[in-house]
Amino acid sequence: DYLLKPAPAVRNTRSGAGIAILTVYNSLLLLLALAYFRLIHTVITNPGYTPRGPQWHAQNANKRRNSRSHRAKQIPSDLEKQNGSLGQHSTYSETLSALPYNHDSSVYGPADGIAAPGLQDFYKRDVFSCESDGRPIWCSTCLNWKLDRAHHCREVGRCVRKMDHFCPWVGGIVSETSQKFFVLFVIWGSVYCVFTLAIMAKFVAERPEELLTKTASAALFSLFLLGMGASSLQFVFQNTTTIENLSRRTKVWQLAIHMPNTMLQTDNPPLFRTITYGPDPTSTRTFAILHSKPGENPWDLGYIRNFKAVMGEHWYDWILPIKRSPCANHDRLDCEFETGPVVERMKREAGIDTPSDDDDDVDEVRMFEQRIPRLRMVQTVKGIIDMSGGVASLGDILGG
């Protein structure tokens, strides 16, 4: 009304400015509301929890059974006296002792020699986070292996994929599934508050008695949201999270990196620790246990690729809270998250996947192998090399 229907004693009607301000204001408010409701919907329906282990479910089932029978707080001596009345139900300790979990508090993870369920999901990949012994990180609360970059949240009692923080605004976890929508929410909130602040500041001089309080509120929220938006974008460009950023300068990542069979066939033993996985001795995979330098991020892909991994590939994904982050798809077969130059350097220093001295010859041989039956490949390649006097002429033979 101040611009469209002002009092006659104030100023003439300014319809153009009023319509423009209302259009921009409602557009920003709509984008802010969409981002907020998309964030809440994702936090509720797909918070990014990882599954608990079978040991946890067995433990929880025993607790419920003991609670129903009013024996949850009985001392061990009382339980031993009543074992005869339990029938076919085993005691709590007997059930857990049969599960692949080591109850010795000095041991971190399942008992040695026992393959806990889900371990194959790690060693079928080429890179995964591990402990110093080469096994995946174990969550002693969820009683399951931790996926790469997962963090156990005490507020919800669950491990969360790429957890960023617990957000009181939405009453849930901001993780890899909702980080994009949270970033869009704080960014559009910042733009909305800054726009409101600019409009209020423009007209506050005309009617300071009515607009001063609203201008101060807009300034307060603008500073708060601008700070959150800047830090959120910083984490996106660095491919890190709020939790990972707490130890970003000193964090040392331990990674299990698959070693090709050619390295295992040499007589020289590796200078680093290794671990071998496999369902049987005839089908195994050996991994090198390597460490990053303090402060290095193995998931850092560069500013642009980091940004697209969270916000999306196209410009409209960067402003509209519709599609989820590409990094949450987990459609890669080599690792849970795409790795960057840090992992490539670790491989080179360890002698893993070292490139050949003549990459052109390697490419020609690979093309040649695709055109020759597997059973005759070695003899045929040898004969061609002898007749032509070298591998350099393979390109002419392949072209024919």
Protein backbone atom coordinates (compact mmCIF):
# COMPACT_ATOMS: atom_id res chain seq x y z
CA ASP A 1 0.00 0.00 0.00
CA TYR A 2 2.91 2.36 0.62
CA LEU A 3 3.80 2.29 -3.11
CA LEU A 4 0.55 1.29 -4.78
CA LYS A 5 -1.98 3.11 -2.58
CA PRO A 6 -0.09 5.73 -0.55
CA ALA A 7 -1.76 8.39 1.51
CA PRO A 8 -2.21 11.63 -0.42
CA ALA A 9 -0.02 13.52 2.01
CA VAL A 10 2.88 11.05 1.63
CA ARG A 11 3.72 10.74 -2.03
CA ASN A 12 2.30 10.02 -5.44
CA THR A 13 1.54 6.46 -6.55
CA ARG A 14 4.56 4.41 -7.70
CA SER A 15 2.86 1.43 -9.33
CA GLY A 16 5.85 0.29 -11.39
CA ALA A 17 8.19 0.05 -8.44
CA GLY A 18 5.52 -1.63 -6.33
CA ILE A 19 4.77 -4.31 -8.94
CA ALA A 20 8.46 -5.02 -9.54
CA ILE A 21 9.19 -5.33 -5.84
CA LEU A 22 6.22 -7.64 -5.25
CA THR A 23 7.19 -9.84 -8.21
CA VAL A 24 10.79 -10.30 -7.07
CA TYR A 25 9.77 -10.67 -3.44
CA ASN A 26 7.23 -13.42 -4.11
CA SER A 27 9.59 -15.22 -6.50
CA LEU A 28 12.31 -15.34 -3.85
CA LEU A 29 9.82 -16.39 -1.22
CA LEU A 30 8.58 -19.21 -3.47
CA LEU A 31 12.12 -20.53 -4.09
CA LEU A 32 12.88 -20.30 -0.38
CA ALA A 33 9.72 -22.21 0.52
CA LEU A 34 10.38 -24.89 -2.11
CA ALA A 35 13.92 -25.44 -0.84
CA TYR A 36 12.73 -25.63 2.76
CA PHE A 37 9.93 -28.13 2.12
CA ARG A 38 12.18 -30.21 -0.14
CA LEU A 39 14.75 -30.27 2.64
CA ILE A 40 12.20 -31.36 5.25
CA HIS A 41 10.77 -34.01 2.91
CA THR A 42 14.22 -35.50 2.26
CA VAL A 43 15.23 -35.44 5.92
CA ILE A 44 12.05 -37.33 6.83
CA THR A 45 11.82 -39.82 3.94
CA ASN A 46 15.48 -40.38 3.02
CA PRO A 47 17.81 -39.20 5.81
CA GLY A 48 20.77 -41.24 4.57
CA TYR A 49 20.93 -43.80 7.37
CA THR A 50 23.10 -46.87 6.88
CA PRO A 51 21.65 -50.26 7.91
CA ARG A 52 22.39 -51.68 11.31
CA GLY A 53 24.14 -55.02 11.56
CA PRO A 54 22.43 -58.35 12.28
CA GLN A 55 24.09 -58.36 15.71
CA TRP A 56 22.23 -55.17 16.63
CA HIS A 57 18.88 -56.65 15.59
CA ALA A 58 19.55 -59.80 17.61
CA GLN A 59 20.54 -57.71 20.60
CA ASN A 60 17.43 -55.55 20.27
CA ALA A 61 15.20 -58.61 19.95
CA ASN A 62 16.64 -60.06 23.14
CA LYS A 63 16.09 -56.79 24.98
CA ARG A 64 12.45 -56.72 23.94
CA ARG A 65 11.97 -60.35 24.94
CA ASN A 66 13.59 -59.75 28.32
CA SER A 67 11.49 -56.65 28.80
CA ARG A 68 8.27 -58.55 28.13
CA SER A 69 9.27 -61.23 30.62
CA HIS A 70 10.21 -58.59 33.28
CA ARG A 71 13.79 -59.84 33.55
CA ALA A 72 15.66 -56.95 31.87
CA LYS A 73 17.27 -55.75 35.12
CA GLN A 74 18.00 -59.06 36.83
CA ILE A 75 21.57 -59.84 37.89
CA PRO A 76 23.40 -62.75 36.15
CA SER A 77 22.94 -65.08 39.15
CA ASP A 78 19.18 -64.73 38.95
CA LEU A 79 19.27 -65.41 35.22
CA GLU A 80 21.27 -68.59 35.74
CA LYS A 81 18.71 -69.84 38.28
CA GLN A 82 15.87 -69.29 35.85
CA ASN A 83 17.54 -70.80 32.74
CA GLY A 84 15.42 -73.89 33.09
CA SER A 85 12.22 -71.92 32.63
CA LEU A 86 13.40 -70.24 29.43
CA GLY A 87 12.63 -73.29 27.34
CA GLN A 88 14.09 -72.92 23.82
CA HIS A 89 14.93 -69.23 24.30
CA SER A 90 18.66 -68.64 24.79
CA THR A 91 20.04 -66.06 27.15
CA TYR A 92 21.22 -62.65 25.98
CA SER A 93 24.92 -63.54 26.24
CA GLU A 94 24.46 -66.90 24.49
CA THR A 95 22.75 -65.28 21.53
CA LEU A 96 25.48 -62.69 21.03
CA SER A 97 28.29 -65.20 21.49
CA ALA A 98 27.03 -67.06 18.43
CA LEU A 99 27.24 -63.91 16.30
CA PRO A 100 30.34 -62.74 14.41
CA TYR A 101 31.25 -60.00 16.88
CA ASN A 102 34.10 -59.85 19.35
CA HIS A 103 32.88 -58.81 22.80
CA ASP A 104 36.38 -58.19 24.11
CA SER A 105 36.47 -54.43 24.69
CA SER A 106 40.13 -54.35 23.63
CA VAL A 107 39.26 -55.53 20.13
CA TYR A 108 37.70 -53.03 17.74
CA GLY A 109 35.43 -54.93 15.38
CA PRO A 110 34.40 -58.52 14.71
CA ALA A 111 36.49 -61.40 15.95
CA ASP A 112 39.53 -62.36 13.90
CA GLY A 113 38.93 -65.15 11.44
CA ILE A 114 35.22 -64.43 11.20
CA ALA A 115 33.83 -62.65 8.15
CA ALA A 116 31.04 -60.43 9.38
CA PRO A 117 28.12 -59.98 6.95
CA GLY A 118 28.55 -57.17 4.47
CA LEU A 119 32.33 -57.36 4.24
CA GLN A 120 32.12 -58.36 0.59
CA ASP A 121 30.55 -55.00 -0.21
CA PHE A 122 33.92 -53.44 0.59
CA TYR A 123 36.51 -55.78 -0.91
CA LYS A 124 34.69 -55.97 -4.23
CA ARG A 125 35.60 -52.29 -4.69
CA ASP A 126 39.03 -50.89 -5.49
CA VAL A 127 39.24 -48.26 -2.74
CA PHE A 128 37.62 -47.99 0.68
CA SER A 129 38.36 -46.41 4.06
CA CYS A 130 39.88 -48.81 6.54
CA GLU A 131 41.49 -49.23 9.93
CA SER A 132 45.22 -49.74 10.43
CA ASP A 133 44.79 -53.51 9.96
CA GLY A 134 43.04 -53.08 6.59
CA ARG A 135 39.53 -53.94 7.71
CA PRO A 136 36.70 -51.43 7.18
CA ILE A 137 35.84 -49.14 10.06
CA TRP A 138 33.52 -50.81 12.58
CA CYS A 139 30.69 -49.04 14.42
CA SER A 140 30.41 -50.52 17.90
CA THR A 141 26.93 -49.02 18.35
CA CYS A 142 25.24 -50.06 15.09
CA LEU A 143 27.36 -53.27 15.10
CA ASN A 144 28.09 -52.97 11.42
CA TRP A 145 30.81 -51.82 9.05
CA LYS A 146 30.92 -48.10 8.36
CA LEU A 147 30.63 -47.05 4.75
CA ASP A 148 33.08 -44.49 3.41
CA ARG A 149 32.61 -41.05 4.99
CA ALA A 150 29.81 -42.32 7.25
CA HIS A 151 29.50 -40.85 10.74
CA HIS A 152 27.59 -42.14 13.75
CA CYS A 153 25.10 -39.55 14.99
CA ARG A 154 24.36 -39.76 18.71
CA GLU A 155 21.18 -37.71 18.35
CA VAL A 156 19.47 -40.41 16.27
CA GLY A 157 21.65 -43.39 17.20
CA ARG A 158 22.44 -44.26 13.57
CA CYS A 159 25.35 -44.11 11.16
CA VAL A 160 24.68 -41.56 8.42
CA ARG A 161 26.20 -41.36 4.94
CA LYS A 162 28.37 -38.26 4.55
CA MET A 163 26.73 -36.61 7.53
CA ASP A 164 27.06 -32.81 7.63
CA HIS A 165 25.31 -31.81 10.85
CA PHE A 166 22.14 -32.16 12.89
CA CYS A 167 19.85 -29.29 11.89
CA PRO A 168 17.36 -28.03 14.51
CA TRP A 169 15.53 -26.03 11.83
CA VAL A 170 14.27 -29.24 10.26
CA GLY A 171 14.66 -31.52 13.27
CA GLY A 172 16.86 -34.04 11.48
CA ILE A 173 20.16 -34.90 9.85
CA VAL A 174 21.66 -33.02 6.92
CA SER A 175 23.56 -35.66 4.97
CA GLU A 176 24.50 -36.47 1.39
CA THR A 177 20.84 -36.82 0.44
CA SER A 178 19.85 -33.39 1.75
CA GLN A 179 23.04 -31.29 1.65
CA LYS A 180 22.12 -29.77 -1.72
CA PHE A 181 18.67 -28.72 -0.50
CA PHE A 182 20.13 -27.27 2.70
CA VAL A 183 22.61 -25.21 0.67
CA LEU A 184 19.82 -23.94 -1.59
CA PHE A 185 17.70 -23.14 1.44
CA VAL A 186 20.33 -20.97 3.14
CA ILE A 187 21.34 -19.34 -0.17
CA TRP A 188 17.79 -18.41 -1.15
CA GLY A 189 17.20 -17.34 2.45
CA SER A 190 20.24 -15.07 2.23
CA VAL A 191 19.10 -13.56 -1.06
CA TYR A 192 15.59 -13.09 0.30
CA CYS A 193 16.81 -11.30 3.42
CA VAL A 194 19.32 -9.15 1.53
CA PHE A 195 16.63 -8.12 -0.95
CA THR A 196 14.27 -7.26 1.90
CA LEU A 197 17.03 -5.32 3.64
CA ALA A 198 17.81 -3.33 0.49
CA ILE A 199 14.16 -2.43 -0.13
CA MET A 200 13.57 -1.48 3.48
CA ALA A 201 16.74 0.61 3.59
CA LYS A 202 15.63 2.44 0.46
CA PHE A 203 12.37 3.57 1.96
CA VAL A 204 13.32 3.76 5.63
CA ALA A 205 14.34 7.39 5.22
CA GLU A 206 10.83 8.23 4.08
CA ARG A 207 9.01 6.64 7.03
CA PRO A 208 11.58 5.70 9.68
CA GLU A 209 9.00 5.39 12.46
CA GLU A 210 7.44 2.32 10.76
CA LEU A 211 10.32 0.71 8.85
CA LEU A 212 13.28 0.90 11.22
CA THR A 213 12.38 -2.23 13.21
CA LYS A 214 11.80 -4.30 10.07
CA THR A 215 15.10 -3.12 8.59
CA ALA A 216 16.98 -4.16 11.72
CA SER A 217 15.38 -7.63 11.62
CA ALA A 218 16.26 -8.07 7.96
CA ALA A 219 19.85 -7.03 8.65
CA LEU A 220 20.18 -9.55 11.50
CA PHE A 221 18.86 -12.48 9.48
CA SER A 222 20.90 -11.41 6.45
CA LEU A 223 24.16 -11.58 8.39
CA PHE A 224 23.25 -14.93 9.92
CA LEU A 225 22.21 -16.57 6.64
CA LEU A 226 25.07 -15.04 4.66
CA GLY A 227 27.51 -16.63 7.08
CA MET A 228 25.82 -20.03 6.84
CA GLY A 229 25.57 -19.78 3.07
CA ALA A 230 29.24 -18.89 2.70
CA SER A 231 30.40 -21.77 4.92
CA SER A 232 28.06 -24.23 3.19
CA LEU A 233 29.35 -23.25 -0.25
CA GLN A 234 32.92 -23.53 1.03
CA PHE A 235 32.30 -27.13 2.09
CA VAL A 236 30.68 -27.89 -1.28
CA PHE A 237 33.67 -26.53 -3.23
CA GLN A 238 36.08 -28.46 -0.99
CA ASN A 239 34.01 -31.67 -1.09
CA THR A 240 33.88 -31.90 2.68
CA THR A 241 31.30 -31.64 5.45
CA THR A 242 30.94 -29.74 8.69
CA ILE A 243 32.07 -32.79 10.67
CA GLU A 244 35.01 -33.57 8.37
CA ASN A 245 36.05 -29.91 8.45
CA LEU A 246 36.60 -30.08 12.23
CA SER A 247 39.76 -32.15 11.64
CA ARG A 248 40.46 -31.08 8.07
CA ARG A 249 43.99 -29.79 8.73
CA THR A 250 45.19 -32.82 10.73
CA LYS A 251 43.07 -35.70 9.40
CA VAL A 252 45.01 -38.67 8.01
CA TRP A 253 42.91 -40.97 5.85
CA GLN A 254 43.68 -44.70 5.81
CA LEU A 255 42.65 -46.32 2.55
CA ALA A 256 42.70 -49.90 1.33
CA ILE A 257 43.62 -49.75 -2.37
CA HIS A 258 43.39 -52.81 -4.61
CA MET A 259 46.67 -54.16 -5.93
CA PRO A 260 46.76 -55.64 -9.45
CA ASN A 261 47.90 -59.21 -9.88
CA THR A 262 51.08 -58.09 -11.64
CA MET A 263 52.35 -56.59 -8.39
CA LEU A 264 51.69 -59.82 -6.50
CA GLN A 265 53.71 -61.92 -8.96
CA THR A 266 56.98 -60.10 -8.33
CA ASP A 267 59.71 -61.36 -6.00
CA ASN A 268 60.13 -58.02 -4.25
CA PRO A 269 57.79 -57.69 -1.25
CA PRO A 270 55.88 -54.40 -0.94
CA LEU A 271 57.10 -51.75 1.49
CA PHE A 272 53.61 -51.29 2.96
CA ARG A 273 51.10 -53.46 4.78
CA THR A 274 48.62 -55.50 2.77
CA ILE A 275 45.46 -57.45 3.47
CA THR A 276 43.81 -60.17 1.37
CA TYR A 277 40.07 -60.75 1.14
CA GLY A 278 38.07 -63.41 -0.62
CA PRO A 279 35.35 -66.02 -0.22
CA ASP A 280 37.89 -68.80 -0.82
CA PRO A 281 41.65 -69.17 -1.46
CA THR A 282 41.13 -69.40 -5.23
CA SER A 283 39.26 -66.10 -5.44
CA THR A 284 40.98 -63.37 -3.47
CA ARG A 285 41.72 -59.66 -3.73
CA THR A 286 44.75 -58.05 -2.12
CA PHE A 287 44.74 -54.46 -0.92
CA ALA A 288 47.52 -52.08 0.02
CA ILE A 289 47.00 -50.16 3.27
CA LEU A 290 48.08 -46.60 2.49
CA HIS A 291 47.91 -43.32 4.38
CA SER A 292 47.31 -39.81 3.14
CA LYS A 293 49.30 -36.83 4.32
CA PRO A 294 47.80 -34.75 7.16
CA GLY A 295 45.19 -32.38 5.81
CA GLU A 296 44.78 -34.10 2.44
CA ASN A 297 41.30 -34.94 1.18
CA PRO A 298 41.15 -38.07 -0.99
CA TRP A 299 37.67 -37.08 -2.19
CA ASP A 300 38.72 -33.64 -3.47
CA LEU A 301 38.07 -33.57 -7.22
CA GLY A 302 38.71 -29.87 -7.83
CA TYR A 303 36.38 -26.93 -7.27
CA ILE A 304 34.18 -27.42 -10.34
CA ARG A 305 33.77 -31.19 -10.04
CA ASN A 306 33.21 -30.91 -6.30
CA PHE A 307 30.45 -28.38 -6.90
CA LYS A 308 28.75 -30.49 -9.57
CA ALA A 309 28.98 -33.63 -7.42
CA VAL A 310 26.72 -31.96 -4.85
CA MET A 311 24.66 -29.42 -6.76
CA GLY A 312 24.20 -31.20 -10.11
CA GLU A 313 25.51 -31.06 -13.65
CA HIS A 314 23.23 -28.36 -15.12
CA TRP A 315 22.64 -24.73 -14.23
CA TYR A 316 18.97 -25.30 -13.43
CA ASP A 317 19.98 -27.95 -10.89
CA TRP A 318 21.97 -25.26 -9.09
CA ILE A 319 18.93 -23.07 -8.44
CA LEU A 320 15.98 -25.48 -8.27
CA PRO A 321 15.59 -27.92 -5.34
CA ILE A 322 14.32 -30.83 -7.41
CA LYS A 323 16.99 -33.43 -8.21
CA ARG A 324 19.17 -34.89 -5.50
CA SER A 325 22.96 -34.73 -5.52
CA PRO A 326 24.78 -36.97 -8.03
CA CYS A 327 27.18 -38.07 -5.26
CA ALA A 328 24.23 -39.73 -3.49
CA ASN A 329 23.58 -42.15 -6.37
CA HIS A 330 26.50 -44.47 -5.52
CA ASP A 331 26.48 -46.01 -8.98
CA ARG A 332 30.26 -46.40 -9.15
CA LEU A 333 31.79 -49.87 -8.96
CA ASP A 334 35.34 -48.91 -7.99
CA CYS A 335 34.58 -46.93 -4.84
CA GLU A 336 31.76 -45.46 -2.77
CA PHE A 337 32.73 -41.89 -3.71
CA GLU A 338 34.84 -40.75 -6.62
CA THR A 339 38.45 -40.19 -5.56
CA GLY A 340 40.71 -37.37 -6.66
CA PRO A 341 44.39 -36.59 -7.30
CA VAL A 342 45.41 -37.47 -3.74
CA VAL A 343 44.56 -41.14 -4.27
CA GLU A 344 46.29 -41.15 -7.65
CA ARG A 345 49.45 -39.81 -6.02
CA MET A 346 49.24 -42.46 -3.29
CA LYS A 347 49.00 -45.14 -5.98
CA ARG A 348 52.00 -43.80 -7.87
CA GLU A 349 54.13 -43.62 -4.74
CA ALA A 350 53.20 -47.20 -3.87
CA GLY A 351 53.84 -48.40 -7.43
CA ILE A 352 50.22 -49.32 -8.04
CA ASP A 353 48.93 -48.92 -11.61
CA THR A 354 52.19 -47.34 -12.71
CA PRO A 355 51.89 -46.26 -16.37
CA SER A 356 54.07 -47.92 -18.97
CA ASP A 357 57.07 -46.19 -20.55
CA ASP A 358 55.36 -46.26 -23.94
CA ASP A 359 51.62 -45.61 -23.58
CA ASP A 360 51.07 -45.70 -27.34
CA ASP A 361 52.37 -49.26 -27.57
CA VAL A 362 50.10 -50.29 -24.69
CA ASP A 363 47.03 -48.86 -26.43
CA GLU A 364 47.91 -50.66 -29.66
CA VAL A 365 48.35 -53.97 -27.87
CA ARG A 366 44.97 -53.55 -26.12
CA MET A 367 43.28 -52.88 -29.46
CA PHE A 368 45.04 -55.88 -30.92
CA GLU A 369 43.91 -58.13 -28.08
CA GLN A 370 40.29 -57.24 -28.74
CA ARG A 371 40.54 -58.59 -32.29
CA ILE A 372 42.36 -61.86 -31.55
CA PRO A 373 40.80 -64.91 -29.84
CA ARG A 374 41.96 -65.25 -26.27
CA LEU A 375 43.49 -68.74 -26.68
CA ARG A 376 45.78 -67.65 -29.53
CA MET A 377 46.52 -64.14 -28.36
CA VAL A 378 50.01 -64.60 -26.89
CA GLN A 379 51.42 -66.65 -29.80
CA THR A 380 49.95 -64.39 -32.45
CA VAL A 381 51.27 -61.18 -30.87
CA LYS A 382 54.74 -62.73 -30.53
CA GLY A 383 54.78 -63.83 -34.14
CA ILE A 384 53.74 -60.42 -35.42
CA ILE A 385 56.41 -58.68 -33.32
CA ASP A 386 59.12 -61.02 -34.65
CA MET A 387 58.08 -60.56 -38.26
CA SER A 388 57.69 -56.77 -38.09
CA GLY A 389 60.79 -56.15 -36.02
CA GLY A 390 59.04 -54.31 -33.20
CA VAL A 391 55.79 -53.27 -31.63
CA ALA A 392 55.93 -49.89 -33.35
CA SER A 393 54.52 -51.41 -36.57
CA LEU A 394 51.45 -52.89 -34.88
CA GLY A 395 49.43 -49.84 -35.94
CA ASP A 396 49.92 -50.75 -39.62
CA ILE A 397 48.90 -54.34 -39.00
CA LEU A 398 45.84 -53.34 -36.99
CA GLY A 399 44.81 -50.88 -39.65
CA GLY A 400 44.72 -53.70 -42.16
